[in-house]
Amino acid sequence: MAYIVTENCIRCKFMDCVEVCPVDCFYAGENMLVIHPDECIDCGVCEPECPAQAIVPDSDPAAPAWAEANRRYASLWPNLTRKGTPPPGAEEWNGKPGKAALLSSLPHAADKETAGG
């Protein structure tokens, strides 16, 4: 079992979850985070830390629609081990429906503050 990042992370990307993950299984795109399902240990500490409530267990009804995106992008995007600055307008995007079409496949632009490794 693993946790899945869902649609509400898009354009919110608060990154609070990254700080608490004991196995550093978060990967960052330009406007969304994903969890690598083979690295997640199902501890659940990330779920309550997400201000956007975008993290769910893979048994949640919202998970299947996002499980493949988490798997795919975790193999393409850089690993994120520290919280960075959320994108401009993150609060305004929190909770807005229909964000799936806004998902960018581009990786996170690494900086000193959030670079993994």
PDB file of N, CA and C in Angstrom:
ATOM      1  N   MET A   1       0.838  -1.177   0.000  1.00  0.00           N
ATOM      2  CA  MET A   1       0.000   0.000   0.000  1.00  0.00           C
ATOM      3  C   MET A   1       0.887   1.245   0.000  1.00  0.00           C
ATOM      4  N   ALA A   2       0.388   2.313  -0.583  1.00  0.00           N
ATOM      5  CA  ALA A   2       1.135   3.571  -0.662  1.00  0.00           C
ATOM      6  C   ALA A   2       0.156   4.732  -0.626  1.00  0.00           C
ATOM      7  N   TYR A   3       0.705   5.902  -0.512  1.00  0.00           N
ATOM      8  CA  TYR A   3      -0.099   7.119  -0.586  1.00  0.00           C
ATOM      9  C   TYR A   3       0.045   7.715  -1.975  1.00  0.00           C
ATOM     10  N   ILE A   4      -0.978   8.452  -2.390  1.00  0.00           N
ATOM     11  CA  ILE A   4      -1.056   9.008  -3.735  1.00  0.00           C
ATOM     12  C   ILE A   4      -1.331  10.505  -3.626  1.00  0.00           C
ATOM     13  N   VAL A   5      -0.648  11.294  -4.436  1.00  0.00           N
ATOM     14  CA  VAL A   5      -0.940  12.721  -4.517  1.00  0.00           C
ATOM     15  C   VAL A   5      -1.974  12.903  -5.625  1.00  0.00           C
ATOM     16  N   THR A   6      -3.020  13.633  -5.331  1.00  0.00           N
ATOM     17  CA  THR A   6      -4.134  13.802  -6.268  1.00  0.00           C
ATOM     18  C   THR A   6      -4.195  15.226  -6.829  1.00  0.00           C
ATOM     19  N   GLU A   7      -5.214  15.450  -7.612  1.00  0.00           N
ATOM     20  CA  GLU A   7      -5.405  16.675  -8.394  1.00  0.00           C
ATOM     21  C   GLU A   7      -5.274  17.986  -7.615  1.00  0.00           C
ATOM     22  N   ASN A   8      -5.695  18.013  -6.371  1.00  0.00           N
ATOM     23  CA  ASN A   8      -5.681  19.307  -5.686  1.00  0.00           C
ATOM     24  C   ASN A   8      -4.278  19.835  -5.425  1.00  0.00           C
ATOM     25  N   CYS A   9      -3.252  19.032  -5.595  1.00  0.00           N
ATOM     26  CA  CYS A   9      -1.880  19.515  -5.446  1.00  0.00           C
ATOM     27  C   CYS A   9      -1.500  20.452  -6.601  1.00  0.00           C
ATOM     28  N   ILE A  10      -2.111  20.265  -7.742  1.00  0.00           N
ATOM     29  CA  ILE A  10      -1.763  21.056  -8.926  1.00  0.00           C
ATOM     30  C   ILE A  10      -1.956  22.538  -8.645  1.00  0.00           C
ATOM     31  N   ARG A  11      -0.904  23.271  -8.884  1.00  0.00           N
ATOM     32  CA  ARG A  11      -0.814  24.717  -8.678  1.00  0.00           C
ATOM     33  C   ARG A  11      -0.887  25.138  -7.219  1.00  0.00           C
ATOM     34  N   CYS A  12      -0.950  24.168  -6.303  1.00  0.00           N
ATOM     35  CA  CYS A  12      -0.852  24.476  -4.870  1.00  0.00           C
ATOM     36  C   CYS A  12       0.568  24.146  -4.421  1.00  0.00           C
ATOM     37  N   LYS A  13       0.936  22.875  -4.537  1.00  0.00           N
ATOM     38  CA  LYS A  13       2.309  22.416  -4.287  1.00  0.00           C
ATOM     39  C   LYS A  13       2.910  23.066  -3.043  1.00  0.00           C
ATOM     40  N   PHE A  14       2.232  22.908  -1.914  1.00  0.00           N
ATOM     41  CA  PHE A  14       2.671  23.531  -0.673  1.00  0.00           C
ATOM     42  C   PHE A  14       3.966  22.927  -0.112  1.00  0.00           C
ATOM     43  N   MET A  15       4.191  21.667  -0.318  1.00  0.00           N
ATOM     44  CA  MET A  15       5.421  20.955   0.049  1.00  0.00           C
ATOM     45  C   MET A  15       5.608  20.698   1.542  1.00  0.00           C
ATOM     46  N   ASP A  16       4.604  20.930   2.371  1.00  0.00           N
ATOM     47  CA  ASP A  16       4.712  20.611   3.801  1.00  0.00           C
ATOM     48  C   ASP A  16       4.974  19.113   3.993  1.00  0.00           C
ATOM     49  N   CYS A  17       4.408  18.312   3.129  1.00  0.00           N
ATOM     50  CA  CYS A  17       4.524  16.860   3.192  1.00  0.00           C
ATOM     51  C   CYS A  17       5.965  16.389   3.045  1.00  0.00           C
ATOM     52  N   VAL A  18       6.732  17.087   2.259  1.00  0.00           N
ATOM     53  CA  VAL A  18       8.112  16.706   1.981  1.00  0.00           C
ATOM     54  C   VAL A  18       8.947  16.703   3.263  1.00  0.00           C
ATOM     55  N   GLU A  19       8.715  17.670   4.108  1.00  0.00           N
ATOM     56  CA  GLU A  19       9.483  17.824   5.350  1.00  0.00           C
ATOM     57  C   GLU A  19       9.316  16.653   6.303  1.00  0.00           C
ATOM     58  N   VAL A  20       8.169  15.995   6.293  1.00  0.00           N
ATOM     59  CA  VAL A  20       7.904  14.935   7.268  1.00  0.00           C
ATOM     60  C   VAL A  20       8.148  13.529   6.737  1.00  0.00           C
ATOM     61  N   CYS A  21       8.368  13.379   5.463  1.00  0.00           N
ATOM     62  CA  CYS A  21       8.536  12.045   4.875  1.00  0.00           C
ATOM     63  C   CYS A  21       9.855  11.410   5.325  1.00  0.00           C
ATOM     64  N   PRO A  22       9.786  10.268   6.025  1.00  0.00           N
ATOM     65  CA  PRO A  22      11.015   9.647   6.524  1.00  0.00           C
ATOM     66  C   PRO A  22      11.832   8.935   5.453  1.00  0.00           C
ATOM     67  N   VAL A  23      11.257   8.715   4.273  1.00  0.00           N
ATOM     68  CA  VAL A  23      11.983   7.998   3.228  1.00  0.00           C
ATOM     69  C   VAL A  23      12.191   8.822   1.959  1.00  0.00           C
ATOM     70  N   ASP A  24      11.881  10.101   2.012  1.00  0.00           N
ATOM     71  CA  ASP A  24      12.116  11.011   0.875  1.00  0.00           C
ATOM     72  C   ASP A  24      11.559  10.456  -0.441  1.00  0.00           C
ATOM     73  N   CYS A  25      10.263  10.115  -0.426  1.00  0.00           N
ATOM     74  CA  CYS A  25       9.663   9.519  -1.627  1.00  0.00           C
ATOM     75  C   CYS A  25       8.861  10.506  -2.470  1.00  0.00           C
ATOM     76  N   PHE A  26       9.061  11.817  -2.238  1.00  0.00           N
ATOM     77  CA  PHE A  26       8.363  12.825  -3.028  1.00  0.00           C
ATOM     78  C   PHE A  26       9.214  13.282  -4.202  1.00  0.00           C
ATOM     79  N   TYR A  27       8.546  13.464  -5.328  1.00  0.00           N
ATOM     80  CA  TYR A  27       9.196  13.926  -6.549  1.00  0.00           C
ATOM     81  C   TYR A  27       8.422  15.132  -7.042  1.00  0.00           C
ATOM     82  N   ALA A  28       9.147  16.090  -7.604  1.00  0.00           N
ATOM     83  CA  ALA A  28       8.539  17.388  -7.873  1.00  0.00           C
ATOM     84  C   ALA A  28       8.506  17.753  -9.351  1.00  0.00           C
ATOM     85  N   GLY A  29       7.302  18.103  -9.774  1.00  0.00           N
ATOM     86  CA  GLY A  29       7.120  18.665 -11.091  1.00  0.00           C
ATOM     87  C   GLY A  29       7.009  20.173 -10.987  1.00  0.00           C
ATOM     88  N   GLU A  30       6.828  20.801 -12.099  1.00  0.00           N
ATOM     89  CA  GLU A  30       6.718  22.254 -12.125  1.00  0.00           C
ATOM     90  C   GLU A  30       5.589  22.770 -11.240  1.00  0.00           C
ATOM     91  N   ASN A  31       4.439  22.056 -11.250  1.00  0.00           N
ATOM     92  CA  ASN A  31       3.296  22.560 -10.472  1.00  0.00           C
ATOM     93  C   ASN A  31       2.581  21.495  -9.638  1.00  0.00           C
ATOM     94  N   MET A  32       3.253  20.365  -9.377  1.00  0.00           N
ATOM     95  CA  MET A  32       2.649  19.289  -8.588  1.00  0.00           C
ATOM     96  C   MET A  32       3.742  18.406  -8.004  1.00  0.00           C
ATOM     97  N   LEU A  33       3.438  17.765  -6.903  1.00  0.00           N
ATOM     98  CA  LEU A  33       4.299  16.743  -6.322  1.00  0.00           C
ATOM     99  C   LEU A  33       3.680  15.375  -6.569  1.00  0.00           C
ATOM    100  N   VAL A  34       4.497  14.340  -6.583  1.00  0.00           N
ATOM    101  CA  VAL A  34       3.998  12.960  -6.637  1.00  0.00           C
ATOM    102  C   VAL A  34       4.777  12.123  -5.633  1.00  0.00           C
ATOM    103  N   ILE A  35       4.229  10.989  -5.295  1.00  0.00           N
ATOM    104  CA  ILE A  35       4.875  10.032  -4.399  1.00  0.00           C
ATOM    105  C   ILE A  35       5.264   8.805  -5.211  1.00  0.00           C
ATOM    106  N   HIS A  36       6.505   8.366  -5.034  1.00  0.00           N
ATOM    107  CA  HIS A  36       6.942   7.142  -5.707  1.00  0.00           C
ATOM    108  C   HIS A  36       6.337   5.958  -4.960  1.00  0.00           C
ATOM    109  N   PRO A  37       5.452   5.204  -5.606  1.00  0.00           N
ATOM    110  CA  PRO A  37       4.729   4.141  -4.898  1.00  0.00           C
ATOM    111  C   PRO A  37       5.615   3.001  -4.406  1.00  0.00           C
ATOM    112  N   ASP A  38       6.764   2.785  -5.034  1.00  0.00           N
ATOM    113  CA  ASP A  38       7.657   1.713  -4.593  1.00  0.00           C
ATOM    114  C   ASP A  38       8.562   2.150  -3.441  1.00  0.00           C
ATOM    115  N   GLU A  39       8.615   3.448  -3.179  1.00  0.00           N
ATOM    116  CA  GLU A  39       9.440   3.966  -2.085  1.00  0.00           C
ATOM    117  C   GLU A  39       8.617   4.310  -0.849  1.00  0.00           C
ATOM    118  N   CYS A  40       7.338   4.582  -1.039  1.00  0.00           N
ATOM    119  CA  CYS A  40       6.448   4.939   0.068  1.00  0.00           C
ATOM    120  C   CYS A  40       6.309   3.743   1.009  1.00  0.00           C
ATOM    121  N   ILE A  41       6.460   3.998   2.309  1.00  0.00           N
ATOM    122  CA  ILE A  41       6.354   2.923   3.303  1.00  0.00           C
ATOM    123  C   ILE A  41       4.999   2.919   4.005  1.00  0.00           C
ATOM    124  N   ASP A  42       4.069   3.704   3.495  1.00  0.00           N
ATOM    125  CA  ASP A  42       2.707   3.726   4.011  1.00  0.00           C
ATOM    126  C   ASP A  42       2.630   4.149   5.476  1.00  0.00           C
ATOM    127  N   CYS A  43       3.496   5.069   5.865  1.00  0.00           N
ATOM    128  CA  CYS A  43       3.474   5.515   7.264  1.00  0.00           C
ATOM    129  C   CYS A  43       2.354   6.522   7.512  1.00  0.00           C
ATOM    130  N   GLY A  44       1.961   7.252   6.470  1.00  0.00           N
ATOM    131  CA  GLY A  44       0.843   8.169   6.585  1.00  0.00           C
ATOM    132  C   GLY A  44       1.137   9.528   7.191  1.00  0.00           C
ATOM    133  N   VAL A  45       2.386   9.811   7.541  1.00  0.00           N
ATOM    134  CA  VAL A  45       2.658  11.106   8.172  1.00  0.00           C
ATOM    135  C   VAL A  45       2.477  12.288   7.225  1.00  0.00           C
ATOM    136  N   CYS A  46       2.549  12.065   5.950  1.00  0.00           N
ATOM    137  CA  CYS A  46       2.402  13.147   4.971  1.00  0.00           C
ATOM    138  C   CYS A  46       0.955  13.617   4.821  1.00  0.00           C
ATOM    139  N   GLU A  47       0.019  12.710   4.942  1.00  0.00           N
ATOM    140  CA  GLU A  47      -1.390  13.027   4.673  1.00  0.00           C
ATOM    141  C   GLU A  47      -1.921  14.199   5.499  1.00  0.00           C
ATOM    142  N   PRO A  48      -1.761  14.199   6.825  1.00  0.00           N
ATOM    143  CA  PRO A  48      -2.304  15.329   7.591  1.00  0.00           C
ATOM    144  C   PRO A  48      -1.521  16.623   7.422  1.00  0.00           C
ATOM    145  N   GLU A  49      -0.310  16.548   6.871  1.00  0.00           N
ATOM    146  CA  GLU A  49       0.514  17.745   6.685  1.00  0.00           C
ATOM    147  C   GLU A  49       0.146  18.528   5.436  1.00  0.00           C
ATOM    148  N   CYS A  50      -0.626  17.938   4.547  1.00  0.00           N
ATOM    149  CA  CYS A  50      -0.963  18.580   3.277  1.00  0.00           C
ATOM    150  C   CYS A  50      -2.093  19.596   3.461  1.00  0.00           C
ATOM    151  N   PRO A  51      -1.794  20.901   3.331  1.00  0.00           N
ATOM    152  CA  PRO A  51      -2.836  21.917   3.490  1.00  0.00           C
ATOM    153  C   PRO A  51      -3.942  21.809   2.430  1.00  0.00           C
ATOM    154  N   ALA A  52      -3.610  21.208   1.290  1.00  0.00           N
ATOM    155  CA  ALA A  52      -4.577  21.077   0.204  1.00  0.00           C
ATOM    156  C   ALA A  52      -5.381  19.778   0.293  1.00  0.00           C
ATOM    157  N   GLN A  53      -5.064  18.932   1.264  1.00  0.00           N
ATOM    158  CA  GLN A  53      -5.713  17.629   1.404  1.00  0.00           C
ATOM    159  C   GLN A  53      -5.656  16.843   0.097  1.00  0.00           C
ATOM    160  N   ALA A  54      -4.493  16.906  -0.546  1.00  0.00           N
ATOM    161  CA  ALA A  54      -4.300  16.265  -1.844  1.00  0.00           C
ATOM    162  C   ALA A  54      -3.664  14.884  -1.744  1.00  0.00           C
ATOM    163  N   ILE A  55      -3.330  14.435  -0.537  1.00  0.00           N
ATOM    164  CA  ILE A  55      -2.686  13.138  -0.357  1.00  0.00           C
ATOM    165  C   ILE A  55      -3.685  12.166   0.249  1.00  0.00           C
ATOM    166  N   VAL A  56      -3.828  11.008  -0.416  1.00  0.00           N
ATOM    167  CA  VAL A  56      -4.778   9.993   0.047  1.00  0.00           C
ATOM    168  C   VAL A  56      -4.119   8.617   0.003  1.00  0.00           C
ATOM    169  N   PRO A  57      -4.597   7.677   0.826  1.00  0.00           N
ATOM    170  CA  PRO A  57      -4.092   6.309   0.711  1.00  0.00           C
ATOM    171  C   PRO A  57      -4.562   5.700  -0.606  1.00  0.00           C
ATOM    172  N   ASP A  58      -3.826   4.727  -1.101  1.00  0.00           N
ATOM    173  CA  ASP A  58      -4.205   4.142  -2.393  1.00  0.00           C
ATOM    174  C   ASP A  58      -5.532   3.390  -2.353  1.00  0.00           C
ATOM    175  N   SER A  59      -6.097   3.210  -1.175  1.00  0.00           N
ATOM    176  CA  SER A  59      -7.414   2.583  -1.049  1.00  0.00           C
ATOM    177  C   SER A  59      -8.561   3.599  -1.164  1.00  0.00           C
ATOM    178  N   ASP A  60      -8.237   4.876  -1.196  1.00  0.00           N
ATOM    179  CA  ASP A  60      -9.236   5.941  -1.307  1.00  0.00           C
ATOM    180  C   ASP A  60      -9.844   5.935  -2.716  1.00  0.00           C
ATOM    181  N   PRO A  61     -11.125   6.246  -2.850  1.00  0.00           N
ATOM    182  CA  PRO A  61     -11.759   6.271  -4.171  1.00  0.00           C
ATOM    183  C   PRO A  61     -11.104   7.248  -5.164  1.00  0.00           C
ATOM    184  N   ALA A  62     -10.445   8.288  -4.679  1.00  0.00           N
ATOM    185  CA  ALA A  62      -9.785   9.257  -5.573  1.00  0.00           C
ATOM    186  C   ALA A  62      -8.423   8.766  -6.066  1.00  0.00           C
ATOM    187  N   ALA A  63      -7.860   7.760  -5.437  1.00  0.00           N
ATOM    188  CA  ALA A  63      -6.495   7.319  -5.741  1.00  0.00           C
ATOM    189  C   ALA A  63      -6.292   6.709  -7.127  1.00  0.00           C
ATOM    190  N   PRO A  64      -7.153   5.810  -7.596  1.00  0.00           N
ATOM    191  CA  PRO A  64      -6.872   5.161  -8.875  1.00  0.00           C
ATOM    192  C   PRO A  64      -6.651   6.134 -10.040  1.00  0.00           C
ATOM    193  N   ALA A  65      -7.381   7.222 -10.055  1.00  0.00           N
ATOM    194  CA  ALA A  65      -7.254   8.181 -11.153  1.00  0.00           C
ATOM    195  C   ALA A  65      -5.872   8.837 -11.181  1.00  0.00           C
ATOM    196  N   TRP A  66      -5.159   8.829 -10.046  1.00  0.00           N
ATOM    197  CA  TRP A  66      -3.865   9.508  -9.956  1.00  0.00           C
ATOM    198  C   TRP A  66      -2.689   8.571  -9.709  1.00  0.00           C
ATOM    199  N   ALA A  67      -2.937   7.297  -9.499  1.00  0.00           N
ATOM    200  CA  ALA A  67      -1.867   6.347  -9.198  1.00  0.00           C
ATOM    201  C   ALA A  67      -0.853   6.249 -10.333  1.00  0.00           C
ATOM    202  N   GLU A  68      -1.314   6.160 -11.551  1.00  0.00           N
ATOM    203  CA  GLU A  68      -0.388   6.031 -12.678  1.00  0.00           C
ATOM    204  C   GLU A  68       0.434   7.301 -12.872  1.00  0.00           C
ATOM    205  N   ALA A  69      -0.173   8.454 -12.694  1.00  0.00           N
ATOM    206  CA  ALA A  69       0.577   9.714 -12.813  1.00  0.00           C
ATOM    207  C   ALA A  69       1.666   9.780 -11.745  1.00  0.00           C
ATOM    208  N   ASN A  70       1.365   9.344 -10.526  1.00  0.00           N
ATOM    209  CA  ASN A  70       2.383   9.334  -9.472  1.00  0.00           C
ATOM    210  C   ASN A  70       3.538   8.421  -9.864  1.00  0.00           C
ATOM    211  N   ARG A  71       3.222   7.230 -10.340  1.00  0.00           N
ATOM    212  CA  ARG A  71       4.269   6.272 -10.735  1.00  0.00           C
ATOM    213  C   ARG A  71       5.107   6.822 -11.888  1.00  0.00           C
ATOM    214  N   ARG A  72       4.452   7.322 -12.907  1.00  0.00           N
ATOM    215  CA  ARG A  72       5.154   7.800 -14.105  1.00  0.00           C
ATOM    216  C   ARG A  72       6.049   8.993 -13.793  1.00  0.00           C
ATOM    217  N   TYR A  73       5.488   9.999 -13.146  1.00  0.00           N
ATOM    218  CA  TYR A  73       6.272  11.212 -12.915  1.00  0.00           C
ATOM    219  C   TYR A  73       7.342  11.023 -11.844  1.00  0.00           C
ATOM    220  N   ALA A  74       7.153  10.099 -10.919  1.00  0.00           N
ATOM    221  CA  ALA A  74       8.194   9.826  -9.931  1.00  0.00           C
ATOM    222  C   ALA A  74       9.457   9.294 -10.596  1.00  0.00           C
ATOM    223  N   SER A  75       9.304   8.683 -11.755  1.00  0.00           N
ATOM    224  CA  SER A  75      10.482   8.177 -12.470  1.00  0.00           C
ATOM    225  C   SER A  75      11.103   9.240 -13.386  1.00  0.00           C
ATOM    226  N   LEU A  76      10.426  10.374 -13.547  1.00  0.00           N
ATOM    227  CA  LEU A  76      10.920  11.426 -14.443  1.00  0.00           C
ATOM    228  C   LEU A  76      11.354  12.701 -13.724  1.00  0.00           C
ATOM    229  N   TRP A  77      10.702  13.009 -12.622  1.00  0.00           N
ATOM    230  CA  TRP A  77      10.948  14.264 -11.923  1.00  0.00           C
ATOM    231  C   TRP A  77      12.011  14.096 -10.844  1.00  0.00           C
ATOM    232  N   PRO A  78      12.644  15.201 -10.425  1.00  0.00           N
ATOM    233  CA  PRO A  78      13.664  15.113  -9.369  1.00  0.00           C
ATOM    234  C   PRO A  78      13.065  14.850  -7.990  1.00  0.00           C
ATOM    235  N   ASN A  79      13.837  14.160  -7.190  1.00  0.00           N
ATOM    236  CA  ASN A  79      13.460  13.887  -5.804  1.00  0.00           C
ATOM    237  C   ASN A  79      13.536  15.189  -5.009  1.00  0.00           C
ATOM    238  N   LEU A  80      12.565  15.388  -4.137  1.00  0.00           N
ATOM    239  CA  LEU A  80      12.515  16.595  -3.320  1.00  0.00           C
ATOM    240  C   LEU A  80      12.611  16.173  -1.862  1.00  0.00           C
ATOM    241  N   THR A  81      13.565  16.740  -1.131  1.00  0.00           N
ATOM    242  CA  THR A  81      13.777  16.340   0.248  1.00  0.00           C
ATOM    243  C   THR A  81      13.542  17.469   1.246  1.00  0.00           C
ATOM    244  N   ARG A  82      13.366  18.687   0.764  1.00  0.00           N
ATOM    245  CA  ARG A  82      13.111  19.828   1.640  1.00  0.00           C
ATOM    246  C   ARG A  82      11.993  20.681   1.091  1.00  0.00           C
ATOM    247  N   LYS A  83      11.249  21.267   2.001  1.00  0.00           N
ATOM    248  CA  LYS A  83      10.166  22.159   1.607  1.00  0.00           C
ATOM    249  C   LYS A  83      10.740  23.412   0.956  1.00  0.00           C
ATOM    250  N   GLY A  84      10.130  23.799  -0.143  1.00  0.00           N
ATOM    251  CA  GLY A  84      10.505  25.036  -0.809  1.00  0.00           C
ATOM    252  C   GLY A  84       9.361  26.029  -0.703  1.00  0.00           C
ATOM    253  N   THR A  85       9.397  27.013  -1.538  1.00  0.00           N
ATOM    254  CA  THR A  85       8.368  28.043  -1.561  1.00  0.00           C
ATOM    255  C   THR A  85       7.245  27.614  -2.505  1.00  0.00           C
ATOM    256  N   PRO A  86       6.009  27.601  -2.038  1.00  0.00           N
ATOM    257  CA  PRO A  86       4.894  27.244  -2.918  1.00  0.00           C
ATOM    258  C   PRO A  86       4.794  28.238  -4.081  1.00  0.00           C
ATOM    259  N   PRO A  87       4.193  27.827  -5.178  1.00  0.00           N
ATOM    260  CA  PRO A  87       4.069  28.727  -6.322  1.00  0.00           C
ATOM    261  C   PRO A  87       3.170  29.918  -6.008  1.00  0.00           C
ATOM    262  N   PRO A  88       3.354  31.012  -6.715  1.00  0.00           N
ATOM    263  CA  PRO A  88       2.471  32.166  -6.512  1.00  0.00           C
ATOM    264  C   PRO A  88       1.009  31.767  -6.736  1.00  0.00           C
ATOM    265  N   GLY A  89       0.144  32.240  -5.896  1.00  0.00           N
ATOM    266  CA  GLY A  89      -1.280  31.941  -6.038  1.00  0.00           C
ATOM    267  C   GLY A  89      -1.706  30.595  -5.494  1.00  0.00           C
ATOM    268  N   ALA A  90      -0.826  29.907  -4.773  1.00  0.00           N
ATOM    269  CA  ALA A  90      -1.151  28.571  -4.264  1.00  0.00           C
ATOM    270  C   ALA A  90      -2.425  28.566  -3.430  1.00  0.00           C
ATOM    271  N   GLU A  91      -2.562  29.516  -2.555  1.00  0.00           N
ATOM    272  CA  GLU A  91      -3.761  29.582  -1.702  1.00  0.00           C
ATOM    273  C   GLU A  91      -5.032  29.759  -2.531  1.00  0.00           C
ATOM    274  N   GLU A  92      -4.958  30.556  -3.563  1.00  0.00           N
ATOM    275  CA  GLU A  92      -6.132  30.803  -4.407  1.00  0.00           C
ATOM    276  C   GLU A  92      -6.540  29.554  -5.201  1.00  0.00           C
ATOM    277  N   TRP A  93      -5.561  28.703  -5.529  1.00  0.00           N
ATOM    278  CA  TRP A  93      -5.850  27.489  -6.287  1.00  0.00           C
ATOM    279  C   TRP A  93      -6.339  26.348  -5.403  1.00  0.00           C
ATOM    280  N   ASN A  94      -6.100  26.430  -4.118  1.00  0.00           N
ATOM    281  CA  ASN A  94      -6.474  25.353  -3.211  1.00  0.00           C
ATOM    282  C   ASN A  94      -7.984  25.119  -3.246  1.00  0.00           C
ATOM    283  N   GLY A  95      -8.367  23.894  -3.590  1.00  0.00           N
ATOM    284  CA  GLY A  95      -9.773  23.508  -3.601  1.00  0.00           C
ATOM    285  C   GLY A  95     -10.515  23.759  -4.900  1.00  0.00           C
ATOM    286  N   LYS A  96      -9.875  24.403  -5.862  1.00  0.00           N
ATOM    287  CA  LYS A  96     -10.561  24.648  -7.141  1.00  0.00           C
ATOM    288  C   LYS A  96     -10.698  23.333  -7.917  1.00  0.00           C
ATOM    289  N   PRO A  97     -11.858  23.066  -8.458  1.00  0.00           N
ATOM    290  CA  PRO A  97     -12.053  21.829  -9.227  1.00  0.00           C
ATOM    291  C   PRO A  97     -11.478  21.956 -10.644  1.00  0.00           C
ATOM    292  N   GLY A  98     -11.325  20.828 -11.288  1.00  0.00           N
ATOM    293  CA  GLY A  98     -10.933  20.805 -12.696  1.00  0.00           C
ATOM    294  C   GLY A  98      -9.494  21.205 -12.978  1.00  0.00           C
ATOM    295  N   LYS A  99      -8.591  20.907 -12.066  1.00  0.00           N
ATOM    296  CA  LYS A  99      -7.202  21.302 -12.269  1.00  0.00           C
ATOM    297  C   LYS A  99      -6.391  20.272 -13.055  1.00  0.00           C
ATOM    298  N   ALA A 100      -6.927  19.109 -13.317  1.00  0.00           N
ATOM    299  CA  ALA A 100      -6.163  18.052 -13.991  1.00  0.00           C
ATOM    300  C   ALA A 100      -5.590  18.518 -15.321  1.00  0.00           C
ATOM    301  N   ALA A 101      -6.333  19.297 -16.060  1.00  0.00           N
ATOM    302  CA  ALA A 101      -5.859  19.779 -17.363  1.00  0.00           C
ATOM    303  C   ALA A 101      -4.684  20.745 -17.230  1.00  0.00           C
ATOM    304  N   LEU A 102      -4.443  21.245 -16.033  1.00  0.00           N
ATOM    305  CA  LEU A 102      -3.364  22.205 -15.800  1.00  0.00           C
ATOM    306  C   LEU A 102      -2.057  21.536 -15.387  1.00  0.00           C
ATOM    307  N   LEU A 103      -2.061  20.223 -15.212  1.00  0.00           N
ATOM    308  CA  LEU A 103      -0.855  19.507 -14.806  1.00  0.00           C
ATOM    309  C   LEU A 103       0.242  19.680 -15.837  1.00  0.00           C
ATOM    310  N   SER A 104       1.381  20.156 -15.390  1.00  0.00           N
ATOM    311  CA  SER A 104       2.550  20.300 -16.260  1.00  0.00           C
ATOM    312  C   SER A 104       3.419  19.056 -16.127  1.00  0.00           C
ATOM    313  N   SER A 105       3.924  18.557 -17.230  1.00  0.00           N
ATOM    314  CA  SER A 105       4.823  17.397 -17.191  1.00  0.00           C
ATOM    315  C   SER A 105       6.274  17.818 -16.979  1.00  0.00           C
ATOM    316  N   LEU A 106       6.529  19.113 -16.915  1.00  0.00           N
ATOM    317  CA  LEU A 106       7.885  19.614 -16.714  1.00  0.00           C
ATOM    318  C   LEU A 106       8.354  19.354 -15.290  1.00  0.00           C
ATOM    319  N   PRO A 107       9.654  19.104 -15.113  1.00  0.00           N
ATOM    320  CA  PRO A 107      10.175  18.891 -13.767  1.00  0.00           C
ATOM    321  C   PRO A 107      10.290  20.186 -12.987  1.00  0.00           C
ATOM    322  N   HIS A 108      10.385  20.044 -11.691  1.00  0.00           N
ATOM    323  CA  HIS A 108      10.623  21.159 -10.771  1.00  0.00           C
ATOM    324  C   HIS A 108      11.956  21.797 -11.125  1.00  0.00           C
ATOM    325  N   ALA A 109      12.001  23.110 -11.116  1.00  0.00           N
ATOM    326  CA  ALA A 109      13.258  23.812 -11.337  1.00  0.00           C
ATOM    327  C   ALA A 109      14.021  23.792 -10.017  1.00  0.00           C
ATOM    328  N   ALA A 110      15.039  22.967  -9.943  1.00  0.00           N
ATOM    329  CA  ALA A 110      15.804  22.792  -8.694  1.00  0.00           C
ATOM    330  C   ALA A 110      16.495  24.078  -8.296  1.00  0.00           C
ATOM    331  N   ASP A 111      16.532  24.293  -7.009  1.00  0.00           N
ATOM    332  CA  ASP A 111      17.306  25.403  -6.456  1.00  0.00           C
ATOM    333  C   ASP A 111      17.978  24.924  -5.183  1.00  0.00           C
ATOM    334  N   LYS A 112      18.816  25.740  -4.594  1.00  0.00           N
ATOM    335  CA  LYS A 112      19.545  25.336  -3.390  1.00  0.00           C
ATOM    336  C   LYS A 112      18.601  24.958  -2.253  1.00  0.00           C
ATOM    337  N   GLU A 113      17.459  25.630  -2.188  1.00  0.00           N
ATOM    338  CA  GLU A 113      16.528  25.435  -1.083  1.00  0.00           C
ATOM    339  C   GLU A 113      15.856  24.069  -1.099  1.00  0.00           C
ATOM    340  N   THR A 114      15.550  23.537  -2.290  1.00  0.00           N
ATOM    341  CA  THR A 114      14.752  22.319  -2.369  1.00  0.00           C
ATOM    342  C   THR A 114      15.424  21.145  -3.057  1.00  0.00           C
ATOM    343  N   ALA A 115      16.660  21.278  -3.477  1.00  0.00           N
ATOM    344  CA  ALA A 115      17.306  20.208  -4.228  1.00  0.00           C
ATOM    345  C   ALA A 115      17.434  18.944  -3.375  1.00  0.00           C
ATOM    346  N   GLY A 116      17.159  17.818  -3.991  1.00  0.00           N
ATOM    347  CA  GLY A 116      17.266  16.544  -3.290  1.00  0.00           C
ATOM    348  C   GLY A 116      18.688  16.030  -3.300  1.00  0.00           C
ATOM    349  N   GLY A 117      18.886  14.930  -2.563  1.00  0.00           N
ATOM    350  CA  GLY A 117      20.127  14.227  -2.638  1.00  0.00           C
ATOM    351  C   GLY A 117      21.059  14.542  -1.589  1.00  0.00           C
TER     352      GLY A 117
END
